[in-house]
Full PDB file with SEQRES, HELIX, SHEET, SSBOND, CRYST1, ORIGX, SCALE, CONECT and MASTER records, all heavy atoms in Angstrom:
SEQRES   1 A   43  GLU ALA ASP VAL ASP ALA THR VAL VAL TYR GLY VAL ASN          
SEQRES   2 A   43  GLN ALA ALA ILE ALA PRO ASP MET ARG ILE VAL SER ALA          
SEQRES   3 A   43  ALA SER ARG THR ALA ARG THR ILE LEU SER TYR PRO VAL          
SEQRES   4 A   43  GLN ARG HIS ARG                                              
HELIX    1 AA1 GLN A   14  ALA A   16  5                                   3    
HELIX    2 AA2 ARG A   29  GLN A   40  1                                  12    
SHEET    1 AA1 2 ALA A   6  THR A   7  0                                        
SHEET    2 AA1 2 VAL A  24  SER A  25  1                                        
CRYST1    1.000    1.000    1.000  90.00  90.00  90.00 P 1           1          
ORIGX1      1.000000  0.000000  0.000000        0.00000                         
ORIGX2      0.000000  1.000000  0.000000        0.00000                         
ORIGX3      0.000000  0.000000  1.000000        0.00000                         
SCALE1      1.000000  0.000000  0.000000        0.00000                         
SCALE2      0.000000  1.000000  0.000000        0.00000                         
SCALE3      0.000000  0.000000  1.000000        0.00000                         
ATOM      1  N   GLU A   1    -103.782 101.730  19.946  1.00  0.00           N  
ATOM      2  CA  GLU A   1    -102.972 101.570  18.743  1.00  0.00           C  
ATOM      3  C   GLU A   1    -102.673 102.945  18.125  1.00  0.00           C  
ATOM      4  O   GLU A   1    -103.295 103.954  18.457  1.00  0.00           O  
ATOM      5  CB  GLU A   1    -103.714 100.690  17.737  1.00  0.00           C  
ATOM      6  CG  GLU A   1    -104.038  99.285  18.240  1.00  0.00           C  
ATOM      7  CD  GLU A   1    -102.789  98.454  18.513  1.00  0.00           C  
ATOM      8  OE1 GLU A   1    -101.724  98.756  17.927  1.00  0.00           O  
ATOM      9  OE2 GLU A   1    -102.880  97.514  19.320  1.00  0.00           O  
ATOM     10  N   ALA A   2    -101.735 102.956  17.182  1.00  0.00           N  
ATOM     11  CA  ALA A   2    -101.280 104.218  16.589  1.00  0.00           C  
ATOM     12  C   ALA A   2    -102.325 104.887  15.710  1.00  0.00           C  
ATOM     13  O   ALA A   2    -102.149 106.048  15.320  1.00  0.00           O  
ATOM     14  CB  ALA A   2    -100.009 103.965  15.773  1.00  0.00           C  
ATOM     15  N   ASP A   3    -103.428 104.194  15.400  1.00  0.00           N  
ATOM     16  CA  ASP A   3    -104.412 104.788  14.498  1.00  0.00           C  
ATOM     17  C   ASP A   3    -105.431 105.687  15.196  1.00  0.00           C  
ATOM     18  O   ASP A   3    -106.322 106.227  14.541  1.00  0.00           O  
ATOM     19  CB  ASP A   3    -105.134 103.694  13.706  1.00  0.00           C  
ATOM     20  CG  ASP A   3    -105.877 102.688  14.590  1.00  0.00           C  
ATOM     21  OD1 ASP A   3    -105.754 102.774  15.821  1.00  0.00           O  
ATOM     22  OD2 ASP A   3    -106.574 101.822  14.028  1.00  0.00           O  
ATOM     23  N   VAL A   4    -105.308 105.891  16.520  1.00  0.00           N  
ATOM     24  CA  VAL A   4    -106.205 106.838  17.189  1.00  0.00           C  
ATOM     25  C   VAL A   4    -105.712 108.260  16.925  1.00  0.00           C  
ATOM     26  O   VAL A   4    -104.611 108.468  16.425  1.00  0.00           O  
ATOM     27  CB  VAL A   4    -106.284 106.555  18.713  1.00  0.00           C  
ATOM     28  CG1 VAL A   4    -106.789 105.143  18.965  1.00  0.00           C  
ATOM     29  CG2 VAL A   4    -104.941 106.767  19.402  1.00  0.00           C  
ATOM     30  N   ASP A   5    -106.547 109.244  17.260  1.00  0.00           N  
ATOM     31  CA  ASP A   5    -106.190 110.622  16.932  1.00  0.00           C  
ATOM     32  C   ASP A   5    -104.980 111.131  17.703  1.00  0.00           C  
ATOM     33  O   ASP A   5    -104.200 111.935  17.183  1.00  0.00           O  
ATOM     34  CB  ASP A   5    -107.384 111.543  17.194  1.00  0.00           C  
ATOM     35  CG  ASP A   5    -108.522 111.274  16.225  1.00  0.00           C  
ATOM     36  OD1 ASP A   5    -108.250 110.955  15.057  1.00  0.00           O  
ATOM     37  OD2 ASP A   5    -109.696 111.373  16.644  1.00  0.00           O  
ATOM     38  N   ALA A   6    -104.827 110.695  18.954  1.00  0.00           N  
ATOM     39  CA  ALA A   6    -103.681 111.150  19.754  1.00  0.00           C  
ATOM     40  C   ALA A   6    -103.554 110.287  21.001  1.00  0.00           C  
ATOM     41  O   ALA A   6    -104.527 109.692  21.467  1.00  0.00           O  
ATOM     42  CB  ALA A   6    -103.856 112.612  20.165  1.00  0.00           C  
ATOM     43  N   THR A   7    -102.334 110.209  21.515  1.00  0.00           N  
ATOM     44  CA  THR A   7    -102.071 109.630  22.831  1.00  0.00           C  
ATOM     45  C   THR A   7    -101.530 110.765  23.681  1.00  0.00           C  
ATOM     46  O   THR A   7    -100.524 111.390  23.324  1.00  0.00           O  
ATOM     47  CB  THR A   7    -101.053 108.478  22.762  1.00  0.00           C  
ATOM     48  OG1 THR A   7    -101.631 107.394  22.026  1.00  0.00           O  
ATOM     49  CG2 THR A   7    -100.695 108.000  24.155  1.00  0.00           C  
ATOM     50  N   VAL A   8    -102.204 111.037  24.784  1.00  0.00           N  
ATOM     51  CA  VAL A   8    -101.912 112.237  25.566  1.00  0.00           C  
ATOM     52  C   VAL A   8    -101.543 111.879  27.001  1.00  0.00           C  
ATOM     53  O   VAL A   8    -102.224 111.086  27.658  1.00  0.00           O  
ATOM     54  CB  VAL A   8    -103.134 113.187  25.563  1.00  0.00           C  
ATOM     55  CG1 VAL A   8    -102.903 114.358  26.502  1.00  0.00           C  
ATOM     56  CG2 VAL A   8    -103.405 113.680  24.152  1.00  0.00           C  
ATOM     57  N   VAL A   9    -100.455 112.455  27.463  1.00  0.00           N  
ATOM     58  CA  VAL A   9    -100.074 112.387  28.877  1.00  0.00           C  
ATOM     59  C   VAL A   9    -100.283 113.784  29.434  1.00  0.00           C  
ATOM     60  O   VAL A   9     -99.577 114.727  29.058  1.00  0.00           O  
ATOM     61  CB  VAL A   9     -98.609 111.948  29.054  1.00  0.00           C  
ATOM     62  CG1 VAL A   9     -98.218 111.989  30.529  1.00  0.00           C  
ATOM     63  CG2 VAL A   9     -98.400 110.549  28.488  1.00  0.00           C  
ATOM     64  N   TYR A  10    -101.268 113.924  30.301  1.00  0.00           N  
ATOM     65  CA  TYR A  10    -101.582 115.253  30.813  1.00  0.00           C  
ATOM     66  C   TYR A  10    -100.388 115.809  31.585  1.00  0.00           C  
ATOM     67  O   TYR A  10     -99.766 115.116  32.380  1.00  0.00           O  
ATOM     68  CB  TYR A  10    -102.812 115.213  31.716  1.00  0.00           C  
ATOM     69  CG  TYR A  10    -103.346 116.593  32.014  1.00  0.00           C  
ATOM     70  CD1 TYR A  10    -104.154 117.250  31.091  1.00  0.00           C  
ATOM     71  CD2 TYR A  10    -102.995 117.257  33.183  1.00  0.00           C  
ATOM     72  CE1 TYR A  10    -104.623 118.537  31.338  1.00  0.00           C  
ATOM     73  CE2 TYR A  10    -103.456 118.540  33.425  1.00  0.00           C  
ATOM     74  CZ  TYR A  10    -104.267 119.172  32.509  1.00  0.00           C  
ATOM     75  OH  TYR A  10    -104.717 120.441  32.751  1.00  0.00           O  
ATOM     76  N   GLY A  11    -100.067 117.057  31.341  1.00  0.00           N  
ATOM     77  CA  GLY A  11     -98.890 117.673  31.938  1.00  0.00           C  
ATOM     78  C   GLY A  11     -97.692 117.607  31.021  1.00  0.00           C  
ATOM     79  O   GLY A  11     -96.658 118.210  31.288  1.00  0.00           O  
ATOM     80  N   VAL A  12     -97.827 116.867  29.919  1.00  0.00           N  
ATOM     81  CA  VAL A  12     -96.733 116.730  28.958  1.00  0.00           C  
ATOM     82  C   VAL A  12     -97.140 117.267  27.583  1.00  0.00           C  
ATOM     83  O   VAL A  12     -96.535 118.192  27.059  1.00  0.00           O  
ATOM     84  CB  VAL A  12     -96.275 115.259  28.841  1.00  0.00           C  
ATOM     85  CG1 VAL A  12     -95.174 115.119  27.780  1.00  0.00           C  
ATOM     86  CG2 VAL A  12     -95.789 114.747  30.187  1.00  0.00           C  
ATOM     87  N   ASN A  13     -98.190 116.685  26.996  1.00  0.00           N  
ATOM     88  CA  ASN A  13     -98.541 117.073  25.626  1.00  0.00           C  
ATOM     89  C   ASN A  13    -100.035 117.282  25.418  1.00  0.00           C  
ATOM     90  O   ASN A  13    -100.543 117.087  24.316  1.00  0.00           O  
ATOM     91  CB  ASN A  13     -98.017 116.015  24.645  1.00  0.00           C  
ATOM     92  CG  ASN A  13     -98.767 114.692  24.764  1.00  0.00           C  
ATOM     93  OD1 ASN A  13     -99.237 114.335  25.842  1.00  0.00           O  
ATOM     94  ND2 ASN A  13     -98.866 113.970  23.662  1.00  0.00           N  
ATOM     95  N   GLN A  14    -100.755 117.663  26.468  1.00  0.00           N  
ATOM     96  CA  GLN A  14    -102.200 117.862  26.301  1.00  0.00           C  
ATOM     97  C   GLN A  14    -102.537 118.970  25.306  1.00  0.00           C  
ATOM     98  O   GLN A  14    -103.644 119.010  24.771  1.00  0.00           O  
ATOM     99  CB  GLN A  14    -102.885 118.139  27.649  1.00  0.00           C  
ATOM    100  CG  GLN A  14    -102.586 119.493  28.258  1.00  0.00           C  
ATOM    101  CD  GLN A  14    -101.343 119.489  29.117  1.00  0.00           C  
ATOM    102  OE1 GLN A  14    -100.543 118.574  29.032  1.00  0.00           O  
ATOM    103  NE2 GLN A  14    -101.200 120.504  29.960  1.00  0.00           N  
ATOM    104  N   ALA A  15    -101.584 119.841  25.037  1.00  0.00           N  
ATOM    105  CA  ALA A  15    -101.826 120.904  24.065  1.00  0.00           C  
ATOM    106  C   ALA A  15    -101.997 120.352  22.654  1.00  0.00           C  
ATOM    107  O   ALA A  15    -102.467 121.060  21.756  1.00  0.00           O  
ATOM    108  CB  ALA A  15    -100.673 121.909  24.097  1.00  0.00           C  
ATOM    109  N   ALA A  16    -101.636 119.087  22.472  1.00  0.00           N  
ATOM    110  CA  ALA A  16    -101.766 118.474  21.150  1.00  0.00           C  
ATOM    111  C   ALA A  16    -103.211 118.131  20.816  1.00  0.00           C  
ATOM    112  O   ALA A  16    -103.538 117.861  19.655  1.00  0.00           O  
ATOM    113  CB  ALA A  16    -100.921 117.204  21.078  1.00  0.00           C  
ATOM    114  N   ILE A  17    -104.096 118.152  21.794  1.00  0.00           N  
ATOM    115  CA  ILE A  17    -105.497 117.819  21.537  1.00  0.00           C  
ATOM    116  C   ILE A  17    -106.150 118.931  20.722  1.00  0.00           C  
ATOM    117  O   ILE A  17    -106.061 120.108  21.074  1.00  0.00           O  
ATOM    118  CB  ILE A  17    -106.263 117.614  22.858  1.00  0.00           C  
ATOM    119  CG1 ILE A  17    -105.643 116.465  23.660  1.00  0.00           C  
ATOM    120  CG2 ILE A  17    -107.736 117.323  22.583  1.00  0.00           C  
ATOM    121  CD1 ILE A  17    -106.293 116.249  25.004  1.00  0.00           C  
ATOM    122  N   ALA A  18    -106.808 118.538  19.638  1.00  0.00           N  
ATOM    123  CA  ALA A  18    -107.506 119.495  18.774  1.00  0.00           C  
ATOM    124  C   ALA A  18    -109.008 119.239  18.843  1.00  0.00           C  
ATOM    125  O   ALA A  18    -109.444 118.124  19.125  1.00  0.00           O  
ATOM    126  CB  ALA A  18    -107.008 119.345  17.336  1.00  0.00           C  
ATOM    127  N   PRO A  19    -109.817 120.270  18.583  1.00  0.00           N  
ATOM    128  CA  PRO A  19    -111.273 120.124  18.690  1.00  0.00           C  
ATOM    129  C   PRO A  19    -111.863 119.035  17.807  1.00  0.00           C  
ATOM    130  O   PRO A  19    -112.909 118.470  18.139  1.00  0.00           O  
ATOM    131  CB  PRO A  19    -111.780 121.512  18.269  1.00  0.00           C  
ATOM    132  CG  PRO A  19    -110.657 122.439  18.570  1.00  0.00           C  
ATOM    133  CD  PRO A  19    -109.420 121.656  18.285  1.00  0.00           C  
ATOM    134  N   ASP A  20    -111.212 118.728  16.681  1.00  0.00           N  
ATOM    135  CA  ASP A  20    -111.779 117.735  15.772  1.00  0.00           C  
ATOM    136  C   ASP A  20    -111.386 116.305  16.130  1.00  0.00           C  
ATOM    137  O   ASP A  20    -111.820 115.355  15.470  1.00  0.00           O  
ATOM    138  CB  ASP A  20    -111.362 118.036  14.332  1.00  0.00           C  
ATOM    139  CG  ASP A  20    -109.844 117.993  14.151  1.00  0.00           C  
ATOM    140  OD1 ASP A  20    -109.112 118.081  15.141  1.00  0.00           O  
ATOM    141  OD2 ASP A  20    -109.398 117.876  12.988  1.00  0.00           O  
ATOM    142  N   MET A  21    -110.582 116.112  17.161  1.00  0.00           N  
ATOM    143  CA  MET A  21    -110.190 114.770  17.577  1.00  0.00           C  
ATOM    144  C   MET A  21    -111.342 114.100  18.311  1.00  0.00           C  
ATOM    145  O   MET A  21    -111.947 114.684  19.200  1.00  0.00           O  
ATOM    146  CB  MET A  21    -108.957 114.820  18.481  1.00  0.00           C  
ATOM    147  CG  MET A  21    -107.700 115.238  17.770  1.00  0.00           C  
ATOM    148  SD  MET A  21    -106.261 115.220  18.878  1.00  0.00           S  
ATOM    149  CE  MET A  21    -104.959 115.643  17.746  1.00  0.00           C  
ATOM    150  N   ARG A  22    -111.626 112.850  17.948  1.00  0.00           N  
ATOM    151  CA  ARG A  22    -112.750 112.143  18.554  1.00  0.00           C  
ATOM    152  C   ARG A  22    -112.323 110.893  19.312  1.00  0.00           C  
ATOM    153  O   ARG A  22    -113.089 110.377  20.125  1.00  0.00           O  
ATOM    154  CB  ARG A  22    -113.766 111.765  17.473  1.00  0.00           C  
ATOM    155  CG  ARG A  22    -114.331 112.960  16.711  1.00  0.00           C  
ATOM    156  CD  ARG A  22    -115.410 112.529  15.752  1.00  0.00           C  
ATOM    157  NE  ARG A  22    -116.583 112.050  16.470  1.00  0.00           N  
ATOM    158  CZ  ARG A  22    -117.542 111.313  15.901  1.00  0.00           C  
ATOM    159  NH1 ARG A  22    -117.426 110.950  14.634  1.00  0.00           N  
ATOM    160  NH2 ARG A  22    -118.594 110.929  16.606  1.00  0.00           N  
ATOM    161  N   ILE A  23    -111.121 110.376  19.048  1.00  0.00           N  
ATOM    162  CA  ILE A  23    -110.660 109.152  19.708  1.00  0.00           C  
ATOM    163  C   ILE A  23    -109.259 109.399  20.234  1.00  0.00           C  
ATOM    164  O   ILE A  23    -108.303 109.554  19.464  1.00  0.00           O  
ATOM    165  CB  ILE A  23    -110.651 107.962  18.733  1.00  0.00           C  
ATOM    166  CG1 ILE A  23    -112.057 107.744  18.140  1.00  0.00           C  
ATOM    167  CG2 ILE A  23    -110.171 106.706  19.437  1.00  0.00           C  
ATOM    168  CD1 ILE A  23    -112.093 106.720  17.022  1.00  0.00           C  
ATOM    169  N   VAL A  24    -109.119 109.446  21.557  1.00  0.00           N  
ATOM    170  CA  VAL A  24    -107.848 109.789  22.194  1.00  0.00           C  
ATOM    171  C   VAL A  24    -107.534 108.752  23.275  1.00  0.00           C  
ATOM    172  O   VAL A  24    -108.434 108.221  23.928  1.00  0.00           O  
ATOM    173  CB  VAL A  24    -107.910 111.202  22.813  1.00  0.00           C  
ATOM    174  CG1 VAL A  24    -106.655 111.524  23.614  1.00  0.00           C  
ATOM    175  CG2 VAL A  24    -108.117 112.245  21.722  1.00  0.00           C  
ATOM    176  N   SER A  25    -106.248 108.486  23.463  1.00  0.00           N  
ATOM    177  CA  SER A  25    -105.799 107.583  24.521  1.00  0.00           C  
ATOM    178  C   SER A  25    -105.077 108.370  25.601  1.00  0.00           C  
ATOM    179  O   SER A  25    -104.349 109.321  25.318  1.00  0.00           O  
ATOM    180  CB  SER A  25    -104.840 106.525  23.956  1.00  0.00           C  
ATOM    181  OG  SER A  25    -104.168 105.841  24.995  1.00  0.00           O  
ATOM    182  N   ALA A  26    -105.288 107.962  26.864  1.00  0.00           N  
ATOM    183  CA  ALA A  26    -104.604 108.596  27.989  1.00  0.00           C  
ATOM    184  C   ALA A  26    -103.301 107.883  28.335  1.00  0.00           C  
ATOM    185  O   ALA A  26    -102.755 108.080  29.420  1.00  0.00           O  
ATOM    186  CB  ALA A  26    -105.521 108.619  29.214  1.00  0.00           C  
ATOM    187  N   ALA A  27    -102.802 107.042  27.430  1.00  0.00           N  
ATOM    188  CA  ALA A  27    -101.533 106.327  27.609  1.00  0.00           C  
ATOM    189  C   ALA A  27    -101.626 105.323  28.755  1.00  0.00           C  
ATOM    190  O   ALA A  27    -102.715 104.967  29.200  1.00  0.00           O  
ATOM    191  CB  ALA A  27    -100.381 107.306  27.820  1.00  0.00           C  
ATOM    192  N   SER A  28    -100.479 104.864  29.235  1.00  0.00           N  
ATOM    193  CA  SER A  28    -100.444 103.869  30.307  1.00  0.00           C  
ATOM    194  C   SER A  28    -100.034 104.523  31.616  1.00  0.00           C  
ATOM    195  O   SER A  28     -99.515 105.645  31.631  1.00  0.00           O  
ATOM    196  CB  SER A  28     -99.437 102.763  29.966  1.00  0.00           C  
ATOM    197  OG  SER A  28     -98.108 103.294  30.020  1.00  0.00           O  
ATOM    198  N   ARG A  29    -100.266 103.831  32.728  1.00  0.00           N  
ATOM    199  CA  ARG A  29     -99.878 104.394  34.019  1.00  0.00           C  
ATOM    200  C   ARG A  29     -98.367 104.593  34.093  1.00  0.00           C  
ATOM    201  O   ARG A  29     -97.888 105.555  34.696  1.00  0.00           O  
ATOM    202  CB  ARG A  29    -100.354 103.480  35.156  1.00  0.00           C  
ATOM    203  CG  ARG A  29     -99.778 102.078  35.133  1.00  0.00           C  
ATOM    204  CD  ARG A  29    -100.236 101.266  36.349  1.00  0.00           C  
ATOM    205  NE  ARG A  29     -99.702  99.915  36.312  1.00  0.00           N  
ATOM    206  CZ  ARG A  29    -100.412  98.854  35.932  1.00  0.00           C  
ATOM    207  NH1 ARG A  29    -101.669  98.999  35.562  1.00  0.00           N  
ATOM    208  NH2 ARG A  29     -99.881  97.645  35.918  1.00  0.00           N  
ATOM    209  N   THR A  30     -97.614 103.688  33.456  1.00  0.00           N  
ATOM    210  CA  THR A  30     -96.154 103.818  33.472  1.00  0.00           C  
ATOM    211  C   THR A  30     -95.723 105.051  32.682  1.00  0.00           C  
ATOM    212  O   THR A  30     -94.871 105.827  33.127  1.00  0.00           O  
ATOM    213  CB  THR A  30     -95.501 102.558  32.878  1.00  0.00           C  
ATOM    214  OG1 THR A  30     -95.942 101.415  33.616  1.00  0.00           O  
ATOM    215  CG2 THR A  30     -93.982 102.654  32.952  1.00  0.00           C  
ATOM    216  N   ALA A  31     -96.332 105.243  31.510  1.00  0.00           N  
ATOM    217  CA  ALA A  31     -95.990 106.418  30.704  1.00  0.00           C  
ATOM    218  C   ALA A  31     -96.331 107.697  31.447  1.00  0.00           C  
ATOM    219  O   ALA A  31     -95.563 108.661  31.448  1.00  0.00           O  
ATOM    220  CB  ALA A  31     -96.733 106.364  29.375  1.00  0.00           C  
ATOM    221  N   ARG A  32     -97.498 107.725  32.092  1.00  0.00           N  
ATOM    222  CA  ARG A  32     -97.900 108.933  32.816  1.00  0.00           C  
ATOM    223  C   ARG A  32     -96.944 109.226  33.969  1.00  0.00           C  
ATOM    224  O   ARG A  32     -96.688 110.386  34.306  1.00  0.00           O  
ATOM    225  CB  ARG A  32     -99.333 108.783  33.333  1.00  0.00           C  
ATOM    226  CG  ARG A  32    -100.362 108.773  32.219  1.00  0.00           C  
ATOM    227  CD  ARG A  32    -101.765 108.889  32.771  1.00  0.00           C  
ATOM    228  NE  ARG A  32    -102.185 107.710  33.511  1.00  0.00           N  
ATOM    229  CZ  ARG A  32    -102.823 106.679  32.988  1.00  0.00           C  
ATOM    230  NH1 ARG A  32    -103.086 106.655  31.690  1.00  0.00           N  
ATOM    231  NH2 ARG A  32    -103.192 105.662  33.725  1.00  0.00           N  
ATOM    232  N   THR A  33     -96.424 108.164  34.587  1.00  0.00           N  
ATOM    233  CA  THR A  33     -95.504 108.347  35.713  1.00  0.00           C  
ATOM    234  C   THR A  33     -94.140 108.839  35.254  1.00  0.00           C  
ATOM    235  O   THR A  33     -93.592 109.800  35.786  1.00  0.00           O  
ATOM    236  CB  THR A  33     -95.327 107.017  36.474  1.00  0.00           C  
ATOM    237  OG1 THR A  33     -96.598 106.579  36.961  1.00  0.00           O  
ATOM    238  CG2 THR A  33     -94.377 107.196  37.646  1.00  0.00           C  
ATOM    239  N   ILE A  34     -93.581 108.199  34.245  1.00  0.00           N  
ATOM    240  CA  ILE A  34     -92.207 108.480  33.827  1.00  0.00           C  
ATOM    241  C   ILE A  34     -92.097 109.741  32.966  1.00  0.00           C  
ATOM    242  O   ILE A  34     -91.212 110.571  33.159  1.00  0.00           O  
ATOM    243  CB  ILE A  34     -91.632 107.272  33.068  1.00  0.00           C  
ATOM    244  CG1 ILE A  34     -91.512 106.076  34.029  1.00  0.00           C  
ATOM    245  CG2 ILE A  34     -90.273 107.616  32.459  1.00  0.00           C  
ATOM    246  CD1 ILE A  34     -91.053 104.802  33.361  1.00  0.00           C  
ATOM    247  N   LEU A  35     -93.021 109.923  32.022  1.00  0.00           N  
ATOM    248  CA  LEU A  35     -92.886 111.023  31.073  1.00  0.00           C  
ATOM    249  C   LEU A  35     -93.119 112.388  31.691  1.00  0.00           C  
ATOM    250  O   LEU A  35     -92.647 113.398  31.169  1.00  0.00           O  
ATOM    251  CB  LEU A  35     -93.858 110.821  29.904  1.00  0.00           C  
ATOM    252  CG  LEU A  35     -93.557 109.621  29.007  1.00  0.00           C  
ATOM    253  CD1 LEU A  35     -94.582 109.529  27.889  1.00  0.00           C  
ATOM    254  CD2 LEU A  35     -92.145 109.698  28.442  1.00  0.00           C  
ATOM    255  N   SER A  36     -93.828 112.442  32.801  1.00  0.00           N  
ATOM    256  CA  SER A  36     -94.085 113.746  33.408  1.00  0.00           C  
ATOM    257  C   SER A  36     -92.840 114.320  34.081  1.00  0.00           C  
ATOM    258  O   SER A  36     -92.710 115.538  34.218  1.00  0.00           O  
ATOM    259  CB  SER A  36     -95.206 113.636  34.443  1.00  0.00           C  
ATOM    260  OG  SER A  36     -94.836 112.740  35.473  1.00  0.00           O  
ATOM    261  N   TYR A  37     -91.882 113.464  34.440  1.00  0.00           N  
ATOM    262  CA  TYR A  37     -90.699 113.969  35.154  1.00  0.00           C  
ATOM    263  C   TYR A  37     -89.845 114.925  34.328  1.00  0.00           C  
ATOM    264  O   TYR A  37     -89.496 116.011  34.804  1.00  0.00           O  
ATOM    265  CB  TYR A  37     -89.833 112.826  35.675  1.00  0.00           C  
ATOM    266  CG  TYR A  37     -88.501 113.313  36.166  1.00  0.00           C  
ATOM    267  CD1 TYR A  37     -88.430 114.133  37.301  1.00  0.00           C  
ATOM    268  CD2 TYR A  37     -87.325 113.030  35.484  1.00  0.00           C  
ATOM    269  CE1 TYR A  37     -87.220 114.633  37.740  1.00  0.00           C  
ATOM    270  CE2 TYR A  37     -86.113 113.527  35.908  1.00  0.00           C  
ATOM    271  CZ  TYR A  37     -86.062 114.332  37.039  1.00  0.00           C  
ATOM    272  OH  TYR A  37     -84.865 114.828  37.459  1.00  0.00           O  
ATOM    273  N   PRO A  38     -89.490 114.574  33.070  1.00  0.00           N  
ATOM    274  CA  PRO A  38     -88.655 115.524  32.310  1.00  0.00           C  
ATOM    275  C   PRO A  38     -89.311 116.896  32.163  1.00  0.00           C  
ATOM    276  O   PRO A  38     -88.624 117.920  32.134  1.00  0.00           O  
ATOM    277  CB  PRO A  38     -88.502 114.833  30.950  1.00  0.00           C  
ATOM    278  CG  PRO A  38     -88.685 113.389  31.244  1.00  0.00           C  
ATOM    279  CD  PRO A  38     -89.736 113.336  32.317  1.00  0.00           C  
ATOM    280  N   VAL A  39     -90.641 116.918  32.082  1.00  0.00           N  
ATOM    281  CA  VAL A  39     -91.336 118.191  31.909  1.00  0.00           C  
ATOM    282  C   VAL A  39     -91.350 118.987  33.207  1.00  0.00           C  
ATOM    283  O   VAL A  39     -91.222 120.213  33.219  1.00  0.00           O  
ATOM    284  CB  VAL A  39     -92.778 117.928  31.426  1.00  0.00           C  
ATOM    285  CG1 VAL A  39     -93.556 119.236  31.333  1.00  0.00           C  
ATOM    286  CG2 VAL A  39     -92.748 117.229  30.073  1.00  0.00           C  
ATOM    287  N   GLN A  40     -91.475 118.275  34.336  1.00  0.00           N  
ATOM    288  CA  GLN A  40     -91.627 118.953  35.621  1.00  0.00           C  
ATOM    289  C   GLN A  40     -90.326 119.050  36.415  1.00  0.00           C  
ATOM    290  O   GLN A  40     -90.322 119.564  37.537  1.00  0.00           O  
ATOM    291  CB  GLN A  40     -92.657 118.177  36.484  1.00  0.00           C  
ATOM    292  CG  GLN A  40     -94.011 118.006  35.831  1.00  0.00           C  
ATOM    293  CD  GLN A  40     -94.737 119.317  35.621  1.00  0.00           C  
ATOM    294  OE1 GLN A  40     -94.477 120.290  36.330  1.00  0.00           O  
ATOM    295  NE2 GLN A  40     -95.629 119.359  34.643  1.00  0.00           N  
ATOM    296  N   ARG A  41     -89.207 118.607  35.850  1.00  0.00           N  
ATOM    297  CA  ARG A  41     -87.971 118.509  36.626  1.00  0.00           C  
ATOM    298  C   ARG A  41     -87.495 119.853  37.182  1.00  0.00           C  
ATOM    299  O   ARG A  41     -86.853 119.904  38.235  1.00  0.00           O  
ATOM    300  CB  ARG A  41     -86.863 117.870  35.793  1.00  0.00           C  
ATOM    301  CG  ARG A  41     -86.399 118.693  34.593  1.00  0.00           C  
ATOM    302  CD  ARG A  41     -85.384 117.909  33.759  1.00  0.00           C  
ATOM    303  NE  ARG A  41     -84.859 118.692  32.644  1.00  0.00           N  
ATOM    304  CZ  ARG A  41     -85.479 118.864  31.494  1.00  0.00           C  
ATOM    305  NH1 ARG A  41     -86.666 118.305  31.314  1.00  0.00           N  
ATOM    306  NH2 ARG A  41     -84.932 119.574  30.532  1.00  0.00           N  
ATOM    307  N   HIS A  42     -87.820 120.942  36.479  1.00  0.00           N  
ATOM    308  CA  HIS A  42     -87.370 122.244  36.956  1.00  0.00           C  
ATOM    309  C   HIS A  42     -88.070 122.653  38.248  1.00  0.00           C  
ATOM    310  O   HIS A  42     -87.621 123.571  38.942  1.00  0.00           O  
ATOM    311  CB  HIS A  42     -87.602 123.297  35.876  1.00  0.00           C  
ATOM    312  CG  HIS A  42     -89.043 123.508  35.548  1.00  0.00           C  
ATOM    313  ND1 HIS A  42     -89.752 122.621  34.766  1.00  0.00           N  
ATOM    314  CD2 HIS A  42     -89.897 124.500  35.894  1.00  0.00           C  
ATOM    315  CE1 HIS A  42     -90.994 123.066  34.648  1.00  0.00           C  
ATOM    316  NE2 HIS A  42     -91.113 124.193  35.311  1.00  0.00           N  
ATOM    317  N   ARG A  43     -89.160 121.964  38.585  1.00  0.00           N  
ATOM    318  CA  ARG A  43     -89.887 122.279  39.807  1.00  0.00           C  
ATOM    319  C   ARG A  43     -89.458 121.406  40.979  1.00  0.00           C  
ATOM    320  O   ARG A  43     -89.907 121.607  42.108  1.00  0.00           O  
ATOM    321  CB  ARG A  43     -91.392 122.080  39.589  1.00  0.00           C  
ATOM    322  CG  ARG A  43     -91.979 122.931  38.479  1.00  0.00           C  
ATOM    323  CD  ARG A  43     -93.461 122.659  38.342  1.00  0.00           C  
ATOM    324  NE  ARG A  43     -94.040 123.440  37.256  1.00  0.00           N  
ATOM    325  CZ  ARG A  43     -95.309 123.352  36.885  1.00  0.00           C  
ATOM    326  NH1 ARG A  43     -96.119 122.529  37.518  1.00  0.00           N  
ATOM    327  NH2 ARG A  43     -95.761 124.089  35.889  1.00  0.00           N  
TER     328      ARG A  43                                                      
MASTER        0    0    0    2    2    0    0    6  327    1    0    4          
END                                                                             
């Protein structure tokens, strides 16, 4: 749910993680698959 500290897709927004965050979500498999493409498209 939106009340956790962050939802992170590694390779996209992992820099958003801060040391004081204690509850984080790794998102869904679909999000991890689709969202990484715009970031990595130049490769």
